[in-house]
């Protein structure tokens, strides 16, 4: 493995990446290792959206930022 991530090797590219669904309901892998995945931007947007939801739209005041 790598310091902060899964090992990068030729067997883990393109269609061989991790499935983006997990055993936990509504929990998905959104980073670059998931398939289909949206990389760092997807992870950041997902984290921001969840934070806004938990804070009852205090970050966006109910406006869509994208």
PDB file of N, CA and C in Angstrom:
ATOM      1  N   UNK A   1       0.812  -1.191   0.000  1.00  0.00           N
ATOM      2  CA  UNK A   1       0.000   0.000   0.000  1.00  0.00           C
ATOM      3  C   UNK A   1       0.854   1.253   0.000  1.00  0.00           C
ATOM      4  N   UNK A   2       0.220   2.354  -0.201  1.00  0.00           N
ATOM      5  CA  UNK A   2       0.888   3.643  -0.162  1.00  0.00           C
ATOM      6  C   UNK A   2       0.724   4.244   1.228  1.00  0.00           C
ATOM      7  N   UNK A   3       1.332   5.371   1.462  1.00  0.00           N
ATOM      8  CA  UNK A   3       1.286   5.999   2.781  1.00  0.00           C
ATOM      9  C   UNK A   3      -0.139   6.348   3.188  1.00  0.00           C
ATOM     10  N   UNK A   4      -0.938   6.859   2.281  1.00  0.00           N
ATOM     11  CA  UNK A   4      -2.273   7.314   2.624  1.00  0.00           C
ATOM     12  C   UNK A   4      -3.367   6.671   1.778  1.00  0.00           C
ATOM     13  N   UNK A   5      -3.052   5.704   0.966  1.00  0.00           N
ATOM     14  CA  UNK A   5      -4.022   5.188   0.012  1.00  0.00           C
ATOM     15  C   UNK A   5      -3.739   3.720  -0.259  1.00  0.00           C
ATOM     16  N   UNK A   6      -4.539   3.143  -1.127  1.00  0.00           N
ATOM     17  CA  UNK A   6      -4.314   1.776  -1.568  1.00  0.00           C
ATOM     18  C   UNK A   6      -3.114   1.717  -2.486  1.00  0.00           C
ATOM     19  N   UNK A   7      -2.551   0.547  -2.616  1.00  0.00           N
ATOM     20  CA  UNK A   7      -1.415   0.391  -3.520  1.00  0.00           C
ATOM     21  C   UNK A   7      -1.835   0.700  -4.946  1.00  0.00           C
ATOM     22  N   UNK A   8      -0.993   1.374  -5.672  1.00  0.00           N
ATOM     23  CA  UNK A   8      -1.254   1.671  -7.078  1.00  0.00           C
ATOM     24  C   UNK A   8      -0.505   0.655  -7.923  1.00  0.00           C
ATOM     25  N   UNK A   9      -1.220  -0.121  -8.689  1.00  0.00           N
ATOM     26  CA  UNK A   9      -0.577  -1.070  -9.583  1.00  0.00           C
ATOM     27  C   UNK A   9      -1.427  -1.230 -10.838  1.00  0.00           C
ATOM     28  N   UNK A  10      -0.879  -1.806 -11.885  1.00  0.00           N
ATOM     29  CA  UNK A  10      -1.598  -1.908 -13.154  1.00  0.00           C
ATOM     30  C   UNK A  10      -2.931  -2.651 -13.060  1.00  0.00           C
ATOM     31  N   UNK A  11      -3.106  -3.491 -12.067  1.00  0.00           N
ATOM     32  CA  UNK A  11      -4.357  -4.243 -11.939  1.00  0.00           C
ATOM     33  C   UNK A  11      -5.487  -3.404 -11.360  1.00  0.00           C
ATOM     34  N   UNK A  12      -5.199  -2.178 -10.923  1.00  0.00           N
ATOM     35  CA  UNK A  12      -6.213  -1.327 -10.307  1.00  0.00           C
ATOM     36  C   UNK A  12      -6.539  -0.097 -11.150  1.00  0.00           C
ATOM     37  N   UNK A  13      -6.431  -0.194 -12.451  1.00  0.00           N
ATOM     38  CA  UNK A  13      -6.735   0.945 -13.304  1.00  0.00           C
ATOM     39  C   UNK A  13      -8.027   0.729 -14.080  1.00  0.00           C
ATOM     40  N   UNK A  14      -8.590   1.814 -14.557  1.00  0.00           N
ATOM     41  CA  UNK A  14      -9.797   1.862 -15.385  1.00  0.00           C
ATOM     42  C   UNK A  14     -10.934   1.051 -14.766  1.00  0.00           C
ATOM     43  N   UNK A  15     -11.379  -0.014 -15.399  1.00  0.00           N
ATOM     44  CA  UNK A  15     -12.542  -0.763 -14.907  1.00  0.00           C
ATOM     45  C   UNK A  15     -12.235  -1.637 -13.695  1.00  0.00           C
ATOM     46  N   UNK A  16     -10.985  -1.762 -13.324  1.00  0.00           N
ATOM     47  CA  UNK A  16     -10.603  -2.621 -12.201  1.00  0.00           C
ATOM     48  C   UNK A  16     -10.495  -1.876 -10.876  1.00  0.00           C
ATOM     49  N   UNK A  17     -10.955  -0.625 -10.843  1.00  0.00           N
ATOM     50  CA  UNK A  17     -10.928   0.120  -9.585  1.00  0.00           C
ATOM     51  C   UNK A  17     -11.982  -0.426  -8.642  1.00  0.00           C
ATOM     52  N   UNK A  18     -11.947   0.000  -7.381  1.00  0.00           N
ATOM     53  CA  UNK A  18     -12.907  -0.466  -6.378  1.00  0.00           C
ATOM     54  C   UNK A  18     -14.323  -0.055  -6.752  1.00  0.00           C
ATOM     55  N   UNK A  19     -15.284  -0.898  -6.434  1.00  0.00           N
ATOM     56  CA  UNK A  19     -16.682  -0.548  -6.646  1.00  0.00           C
ATOM     57  C   UNK A  19     -17.005   0.647  -5.755  1.00  0.00           C
ATOM     58  N   UNK A  20     -17.766   1.607  -6.272  1.00  0.00           N
ATOM     59  CA  UNK A  20     -18.037   2.812  -5.485  1.00  0.00           C
ATOM     60  C   UNK A  20     -19.072   2.583  -4.391  1.00  0.00           C
ATOM     61  N   UNK A  21     -19.738   1.453  -4.385  1.00  0.00           N
ATOM     62  CA  UNK A  21     -20.728   1.157  -3.338  1.00  0.00           C
ATOM     63  C   UNK A  21     -20.079   0.360  -2.206  1.00  0.00           C
ATOM     64  N   UNK A  22     -20.516   0.615  -1.000  1.00  0.00           N
ATOM     65  CA  UNK A  22     -20.011  -0.123   0.154  1.00  0.00           C
ATOM     66  C   UNK A  22     -21.143  -0.922   0.775  1.00  0.00           C
ATOM     67  N   UNK A  23     -20.830  -1.702   1.789  1.00  0.00           N
ATOM     68  CA  UNK A  23     -21.854  -2.488   2.485  1.00  0.00           C
ATOM     69  C   UNK A  23     -22.760  -1.615   3.339  1.00  0.00           C
ATOM     70  N   UNK A  24     -22.327  -0.402   3.628  1.00  0.00           N
ATOM     71  CA  UNK A  24     -23.100   0.515   4.462  1.00  0.00           C
ATOM     72  C   UNK A  24     -24.053   1.301   3.568  1.00  0.00           C
ATOM     73  N   UNK A  25     -25.329   1.280   3.910  1.00  0.00           N
ATOM     74  CA  UNK A  25     -26.338   1.949   3.101  1.00  0.00           C
ATOM     75  C   UNK A  25     -26.005   3.438   2.948  1.00  0.00           C
ATOM     76  N   UNK A  26     -26.070   3.931   1.720  1.00  0.00           N
ATOM     77  CA  UNK A  26     -25.842   5.331   1.359  1.00  0.00           C
ATOM     78  C   UNK A  26     -24.418   5.819   1.614  1.00  0.00           C
ATOM     79  N   UNK A  27     -23.454   4.922   1.744  1.00  0.00           N
ATOM     80  CA  UNK A  27     -22.047   5.309   1.869  1.00  0.00           C
ATOM     81  C   UNK A  27     -21.323   4.846   0.613  1.00  0.00           C
ATOM     82  N   UNK A  28     -20.710   5.775  -0.098  1.00  0.00           N
ATOM     83  CA  UNK A  28     -20.058   5.478  -1.360  1.00  0.00           C
ATOM     84  C   UNK A  28     -18.608   5.925  -1.329  1.00  0.00           C
ATOM     85  N   UNK A  29     -17.779   5.262  -2.119  1.00  0.00           N
ATOM     86  CA  UNK A  29     -16.397   5.673  -2.307  1.00  0.00           C
ATOM     87  C   UNK A  29     -16.403   6.700  -3.431  1.00  0.00           C
ATOM     88  N   UNK A  30     -15.962   7.917  -3.182  1.00  0.00           N
ATOM     89  CA  UNK A  30     -16.036   8.963  -4.203  1.00  0.00           C
ATOM     90  C   UNK A  30     -14.678   9.439  -4.698  1.00  0.00           C
ATOM     91  N   UNK A  31     -13.616   8.913  -4.158  1.00  0.00           N
ATOM     92  CA  UNK A  31     -12.293   9.350  -4.583  1.00  0.00           C
ATOM     93  C   UNK A  31     -11.864   8.711  -5.890  1.00  0.00           C
ATOM     94  N   UNK A  32     -10.641   8.908  -6.236  1.00  0.00           N
ATOM     95  CA  UNK A  32     -10.113   8.422  -7.507  1.00  0.00           C
ATOM     96  C   UNK A  32     -10.042   6.904  -7.576  1.00  0.00           C
ATOM     97  N   UNK A  33     -10.070   6.207  -6.453  1.00  0.00           N
ATOM     98  CA  UNK A  33      -9.965   4.746  -6.458  1.00  0.00           C
ATOM     99  C   UNK A  33     -11.294   4.050  -6.714  1.00  0.00           C
ATOM    100  N   UNK A  34     -12.402   4.758  -6.647  1.00  0.00           N
ATOM    101  CA  UNK A  34     -13.707   4.128  -6.847  1.00  0.00           C
ATOM    102  C   UNK A  34     -14.141   4.162  -8.295  1.00  0.00           C
ATOM    103  N   UNK A  35     -14.950   3.170  -8.684  1.00  0.00           N
ATOM    104  CA  UNK A  35     -15.481   3.150 -10.041  1.00  0.00           C
ATOM    105  C   UNK A  35     -16.986   2.970  -9.986  1.00  0.00           C
ATOM    106  N   UNK A  36     -17.803   3.774 -10.598  1.00  0.00           N
ATOM    107  CA  UNK A  36     -17.346   5.024 -11.167  1.00  0.00           C
ATOM    108  C   UNK A  36     -17.012   6.007 -10.060  1.00  0.00           C
ATOM    109  N   UNK A  37     -16.025   6.812 -10.264  1.00  0.00           N
ATOM    110  CA  UNK A  37     -15.597   7.765  -9.257  1.00  0.00           C
ATOM    111  C   UNK A  37     -15.376   9.133  -9.845  1.00  0.00           C
ATOM    112  N   UNK A  38     -15.393  10.138  -9.024  1.00  0.00           N
ATOM    113  CA  UNK A  38     -15.257  11.509  -9.481  1.00  0.00           C
ATOM    114  C   UNK A  38     -14.017  12.183  -8.915  1.00  0.00           C
ATOM    115  N   UNK A  39     -13.118  11.400  -8.376  1.00  0.00           N
ATOM    116  CA  UNK A  39     -11.848  11.937  -7.920  1.00  0.00           C
ATOM    117  C   UNK A  39     -11.965  12.911  -6.763  1.00  0.00           C
ATOM    118  N   UNK A  40     -10.974  13.742  -6.634  1.00  0.00           N
ATOM    119  CA  UNK A  40     -10.872  14.686  -5.522  1.00  0.00           C
ATOM    120  C   UNK A  40     -12.038  15.667  -5.509  1.00  0.00           C
ATOM    121  N   UNK A  41     -12.428  16.177  -6.675  1.00  0.00           N
ATOM    122  CA  UNK A  41     -13.527  17.143  -6.738  1.00  0.00           C
ATOM    123  C   UNK A  41     -14.820  16.514  -6.219  1.00  0.00           C
ATOM    124  N   UNK A  42     -15.096  15.284  -6.620  1.00  0.00           N
ATOM    125  CA  UNK A  42     -16.295  14.600  -6.137  1.00  0.00           C
ATOM    126  C   UNK A  42     -16.279  14.403  -4.634  1.00  0.00           C
ATOM    127  N   UNK A  43     -15.098  14.067  -4.099  1.00  0.00           N
ATOM    128  CA  UNK A  43     -14.980  13.886  -2.652  1.00  0.00           C
ATOM    129  C   UNK A  43     -15.206  15.203  -1.917  1.00  0.00           C
ATOM    130  N   UNK A  44     -14.647  16.284  -2.436  1.00  0.00           N
ATOM    131  CA  UNK A  44     -14.820  17.594  -1.797  1.00  0.00           C
ATOM    132  C   UNK A  44     -16.266  18.074  -1.853  1.00  0.00           C
ATOM    133  N   UNK A  45     -16.896  17.938  -3.010  1.00  0.00           N
ATOM    134  CA  UNK A  45     -18.291  18.363  -3.136  1.00  0.00           C
ATOM    135  C   UNK A  45     -19.187  17.527  -2.234  1.00  0.00           C
ATOM    136  N   UNK A  46     -18.919  16.225  -2.175  1.00  0.00           N
ATOM    137  CA  UNK A  46     -19.702  15.346  -1.315  1.00  0.00           C
ATOM    138  C   UNK A  46     -19.564  15.741   0.150  1.00  0.00           C
ATOM    139  N   UNK A  47     -18.333  16.000   0.593  1.00  0.00           N
ATOM    140  CA  UNK A  47     -18.099  16.391   1.984  1.00  0.00           C
ATOM    141  C   UNK A  47     -18.756  17.738   2.292  1.00  0.00           C
ATOM    142  N   UNK A  48     -18.642  18.679   1.374  1.00  0.00           N
ATOM    143  CA  UNK A  48     -19.247  19.993   1.577  1.00  0.00           C
ATOM    144  C   UNK A  48     -20.772  19.881   1.635  1.00  0.00           C
ATOM    145  N   UNK A  49     -21.345  19.090   0.729  1.00  0.00           N
ATOM    146  CA  UNK A  49     -22.801  18.924   0.694  1.00  0.00           C
ATOM    147  C   UNK A  49     -23.313  18.283   1.974  1.00  0.00           C
ATOM    148  N   UNK A  50     -22.602  17.267   2.463  1.00  0.00           N
ATOM    149  CA  UNK A  50     -23.006  16.633   3.713  1.00  0.00           C
ATOM    150  C   UNK A  50     -22.889  17.606   4.876  1.00  0.00           C
ATOM    151  N   UNK A  51     -21.808  18.370   4.918  1.00  0.00           N
ATOM    152  CA  UNK A  51     -21.639  19.357   5.984  1.00  0.00           C
ATOM    153  C   UNK A  51     -22.770  20.374   5.965  1.00  0.00           C
ATOM    154  N   UNK A  52     -23.130  20.842   4.788  1.00  0.00           N
ATOM    155  CA  UNK A  52     -24.210  21.811   4.654  1.00  0.00           C
ATOM    156  C   UNK A  52     -25.540  21.209   5.102  1.00  0.00           C
ATOM    157  N   UNK A  53     -25.753  19.954   4.749  1.00  0.00           N
ATOM    158  CA  UNK A  53     -26.983  19.269   5.165  1.00  0.00           C
ATOM    159  C   UNK A  53     -27.048  19.160   6.683  1.00  0.00           C
ATOM    160  N   UNK A  54     -25.935  18.756   7.296  1.00  0.00           N
ATOM    161  CA  UNK A  54     -25.888  18.604   8.758  1.00  0.00           C
ATOM    162  C   UNK A  54     -26.035  19.946   9.476  1.00  0.00           C
ATOM    163  N   UNK A  55     -25.551  21.004   8.839  1.00  0.00           N
ATOM    164  CA  UNK A  55     -25.644  22.345   9.438  1.00  0.00           C
ATOM    165  C   UNK A  55     -26.915  23.076   9.015  1.00  0.00           C
ATOM    166  N   UNK A  56     -27.852  22.340   8.431  1.00  0.00           N
ATOM    167  CA  UNK A  56     -29.156  22.882   8.026  1.00  0.00           C
ATOM    168  C   UNK A  56     -29.007  24.082   7.089  1.00  0.00           C
ATOM    169  N   UNK A  57     -28.201  23.919   6.054  1.00  0.00           N
ATOM    170  CA  UNK A  57     -28.000  24.919   4.993  1.00  0.00           C
ATOM    171  C   UNK A  57     -27.370  26.224   5.475  1.00  0.00           C
ATOM    172  N   UNK A  58     -26.643  26.190   6.562  1.00  0.00           N
ATOM    173  CA  UNK A  58     -25.991  27.412   7.046  1.00  0.00           C
ATOM    174  C   UNK A  58     -24.797  27.812   6.181  1.00  0.00           C
ATOM    175  N   UNK A  59     -24.227  26.868   5.444  1.00  0.00           N
ATOM    176  CA  UNK A  59     -23.098  27.195   4.572  1.00  0.00           C
ATOM    177  C   UNK A  59     -23.564  27.837   3.272  1.00  0.00           C
ATOM    178  N   UNK A  60     -24.643  27.330   2.711  1.00  0.00           N
ATOM    179  CA  UNK A  60     -25.108  27.814   1.407  1.00  0.00           C
ATOM    180  C   UNK A  60     -26.372  28.671   1.502  1.00  0.00           C
ATOM    181  N   UNK A  61     -26.962  28.706   2.671  1.00  0.00           N
ATOM    182  CA  UNK A  61     -28.237  29.434   2.859  1.00  0.00           C
ATOM    183  C   UNK A  61     -29.284  29.001   1.854  1.00  0.00           C
ATOM    184  N   UNK A  62     -29.260  27.693   1.513  1.00  0.00           N
ATOM    185  CA  UNK A  62     -30.262  27.128   0.625  1.00  0.00           C
ATOM    186  C   UNK A  62     -30.018  27.342  -0.849  1.00  0.00           C
ATOM    187  N   UNK A  63     -28.916  27.992  -1.209  1.00  0.00           N
ATOM    188  CA  UNK A  63     -28.602  28.230  -2.625  1.00  0.00           C
ATOM    189  C   UNK A  63     -27.700  27.125  -3.159  1.00  0.00           C
ATOM    190  N   UNK A  64     -27.934  26.733  -4.372  1.00  0.00           N
ATOM    191  CA  UNK A  64     -27.087  25.725  -5.019  1.00  0.00           C
ATOM    192  C   UNK A  64     -25.839  26.432  -5.541  1.00  0.00           C
ATOM    193  N   UNK A  65     -24.673  25.909  -5.180  1.00  0.00           N
ATOM    194  CA  UNK A  65     -23.414  26.567  -5.565  1.00  0.00           C
ATOM    195  C   UNK A  65     -22.878  26.086  -6.899  1.00  0.00           C
ATOM    196  N   UNK A  66     -23.341  24.970  -7.397  1.00  0.00           N
ATOM    197  CA  UNK A  66     -22.777  24.414  -8.639  1.00  0.00           C
ATOM    198  C   UNK A  66     -23.599  24.808  -9.835  1.00  0.00           C
TER     199      UNK A  66
END
